[in-house]
Protein backbone atom coordinates (compact mmCIF):
# COMPACT_ATOMS: atom_id res chain seq x y z
CA UNK A 1 73.90 123.75 103.02
CA UNK A 2 74.40 120.31 101.43
CA UNK A 3 72.20 117.47 102.55
CA UNK A 4 73.50 113.91 102.61
CA UNK A 5 75.64 111.46 104.51
CA UNK A 6 79.36 111.72 105.02
CA UNK A 7 81.66 108.88 104.07
CA UNK A 8 82.30 108.06 107.74
CA UNK A 9 78.58 107.81 108.46
CA UNK A 10 78.11 105.43 105.54
CA UNK A 11 81.06 103.28 106.66
CA UNK A 12 79.72 103.09 110.22
CA UNK A 13 76.29 102.00 108.96
CA UNK A 14 77.88 99.36 106.69
CA UNK A 15 80.01 98.06 109.57
CA UNK A 16 76.96 97.73 111.82
CA UNK A 17 75.02 95.93 109.08
CA UNK A 18 77.97 93.58 108.50
CA UNK A 19 78.23 92.80 112.21
CA UNK A 20 74.51 92.06 112.47
CA UNK A 21 74.67 89.84 109.37
CA UNK A 22 77.58 87.87 110.85
CA UNK A 23 75.68 87.30 114.10
CA UNK A 24 72.60 86.10 112.22
CA UNK A 25 74.65 83.72 110.05
CA UNK A 26 76.37 82.16 113.07
CA UNK A 27 73.00 81.69 114.74
CA UNK A 28 71.51 80.15 111.59
CA UNK A 29 74.42 77.73 111.18
CA UNK A 30 73.99 76.53 114.75
CA UNK A 31 70.26 76.07 114.20
CA UNK A 32 70.85 74.20 110.96
CA UNK A 33 73.33 71.84 112.64
CA UNK A 34 70.81 71.15 115.40
CA UNK A 35 68.08 70.51 112.82
CA UNK A 36 70.31 68.05 110.94
CA UNK A 37 71.09 66.24 114.20
CA UNK A 38 67.36 65.99 114.92
CA UNK A 39 66.81 64.51 111.44
CA UNK A 40 69.56 61.99 112.20
CA UNK A 41 67.85 61.09 115.50
CA UNK A 42 64.55 60.49 113.70
CA UNK A 43 66.40 58.37 111.12
CA UNK A 44 67.90 56.21 113.87
CA UNK A 45 64.50 55.83 115.50
CA UNK A 46 63.01 54.65 112.20
CA UNK A 47 65.90 52.24 111.72
CA UNK A 48 65.43 50.91 115.24
CA UNK A 49 61.72 50.33 114.57
CA UNK A 50 62.57 48.39 111.41
CA UNK A 51 65.11 46.27 113.31
CA UNK A 52 62.59 45.52 116.05
CA UNK A 53 59.95 44.50 113.46
CA UNK A 54 62.56 42.25 111.83
CA UNK A 55 63.27 40.73 115.25
CA UNK A 56 59.55 40.15 115.87
CA UNK A 57 59.25 38.28 112.56
CA UNK A 58 62.54 36.31 112.66
CA UNK A 59 63.41 35.92 116.35
CA UNK A 60 66.81 37.55 115.86
CA UNK A 61 68.37 40.69 114.45
CA UNK A 62 69.95 40.70 110.99
CA UNK A 63 73.33 39.02 111.35
CA UNK A 64 75.78 40.41 108.85
CA UNK A 65 79.18 41.82 109.59
CA UNK A 66 79.82 42.85 113.15
CA UNK A 67 80.33 46.49 112.19
CA UNK A 68 79.30 48.42 109.11
CA UNK A 69 78.56 52.01 108.15
CA UNK A 70 76.53 53.82 105.54
CA UNK A 71 79.42 53.99 103.07
CA UNK A 72 80.23 50.27 103.22
CA UNK A 73 77.70 48.95 100.73
CA UNK A 74 79.90 45.97 99.94
CA UNK A 75 80.67 45.27 103.59
CA UNK A 76 77.14 44.93 104.88
CA UNK A 77 75.16 48.17 104.65
CA UNK A 78 73.38 47.13 101.44
CA UNK A 79 72.78 43.66 102.88
CA UNK A 80 71.22 45.29 105.93
CA UNK A 81 69.08 47.48 103.68
CA UNK A 82 67.90 44.39 101.77
CA UNK A 83 67.04 42.55 105.00
CA UNK A 84 65.06 45.52 106.32
CA UNK A 85 63.34 46.32 102.99
CA UNK A 86 59.93 44.99 104.13
CA UNK A 87 60.07 47.28 107.17
CA UNK A 88 61.70 50.48 105.93
CA UNK A 89 61.77 51.92 102.41
CA UNK A 90 65.51 52.57 102.49
CA UNK A 91 68.18 53.01 105.11
CA UNK A 92 68.80 56.64 106.00
CA UNK A 93 71.41 58.83 104.41
CA UNK A 94 73.05 61.70 106.21
CA UNK A 95 71.31 65.10 105.71
CA UNK A 96 74.62 66.56 104.52
CA UNK A 97 75.24 63.62 102.22
CA UNK A 98 78.21 62.51 104.32
CA UNK A 99 79.20 58.95 103.63
CA UNK A 100 79.69 56.75 106.64
CA UNK A 101 78.03 58.94 109.29
CA UNK A 102 75.59 56.21 110.35
CA UNK A 103 77.06 53.10 111.96
CA UNK A 104 75.46 49.73 112.61
CA UNK A 105 77.09 47.36 115.11
CA UNK A 106 75.88 43.79 115.53
CA UNK A 107 76.85 41.65 118.49
CA UNK A 108 75.48 38.15 118.25
CA UNK A 109 76.21 34.51 117.86
CA UNK A 110 75.49 31.28 119.64
CA UNK A 111 78.05 31.92 122.39
CA UNK A 112 76.47 35.25 123.34
CA UNK A 113 73.82 35.38 126.02
CA UNK A 114 72.54 38.63 124.60
CA UNK A 115 72.73 39.16 120.87
CA UNK A 116 71.79 42.69 119.91
CA UNK A 117 72.78 45.74 117.95
CA UNK A 118 73.65 49.38 118.22
CA UNK A 119 73.16 52.25 115.78
CA UNK A 120 74.92 55.56 116.11
CA UNK A 121 75.80 58.82 114.39
CA UNK A 122 78.29 61.53 115.20
CA UNK A 123 76.59 64.68 116.47
CA UNK A 124 77.27 67.88 114.58
CA UNK A 125 75.76 70.62 116.73
CA UNK A 126 77.01 71.60 120.18
CA UNK A 127 73.43 71.59 121.50
CA UNK A 128 73.28 67.83 120.97
CA UNK A 129 76.60 67.06 122.67
CA UNK A 130 75.04 66.69 126.14
CA UNK A 131 72.34 64.40 124.79
CA UNK A 132 74.96 62.24 123.07
CA UNK A 133 77.16 62.15 126.17
CA UNK A 134 74.25 61.02 128.35
CA UNK A 135 72.52 58.50 126.09
CA UNK A 136 74.04 55.54 127.91
CA UNK A 137 76.26 54.56 125.00
CA UNK A 138 80.00 54.15 124.72
CA UNK A 139 80.94 57.34 122.93
CA UNK A 140 80.37 60.88 124.20
CA UNK A 141 80.34 62.43 120.72
CA UNK A 142 77.95 59.88 119.15
CA UNK A 143 74.22 59.54 119.68
CA UNK A 144 73.53 55.82 120.11
CA UNK A 145 70.44 53.62 120.27
CA UNK A 146 69.94 49.91 120.67
CA UNK A 147 67.59 47.27 122.07
CA UNK A 148 66.38 46.94 125.62
CA UNK A 149 67.97 45.88 127.87
CA UNK A 150 71.23 47.63 127.11
CA UNK A 151 74.48 45.75 126.92
CA UNK A 152 76.20 45.16 130.25
CA UNK A 153 79.34 47.22 130.82
CA UNK A 154 80.20 45.05 133.83
CA UNK A 155 80.88 42.27 131.34
CA UNK A 156 83.07 44.59 129.30
CA UNK A 157 80.50 44.87 126.54
CA UNK A 158 79.75 48.21 124.95
CA UNK A 159 76.55 49.75 126.31
CA UNK A 160 74.04 50.79 123.69
CA UNK A 161 71.03 52.41 125.29
CA UNK A 162 67.91 54.31 124.38
């Protein structure tokens, strides 16, 4: 009597291994996306701390362009990085290297009763979607932070909240 595995037995084992590998990869990708979103949240928190230290020293937030993102070096991002240099080594870059995933919005001027700012990033992982939707900001698919108190939506101003 011959000892060994039949071709069908080997194919069944390979199919089961392939199925298990696919499940593990999907789970890992979801975990990696969540981890990158958490890194982005920490980055925004560090940026917020730098902005608040700037405010404590200067009595206002950096006033550059009203809206800039991490790919707009010539439109304000590099100017913002220069202004915050004493408080943060460098402005954050996206964990995936995506250009323009961090956004800085400045709302200020002499006519405003409440000059302030908002910082946001687009969430990648589905686990973070609820957190982004309930952060008090304007966009359900972006995690947003800003100064206290938040902007007033009753006045038609975008609400950036912690």
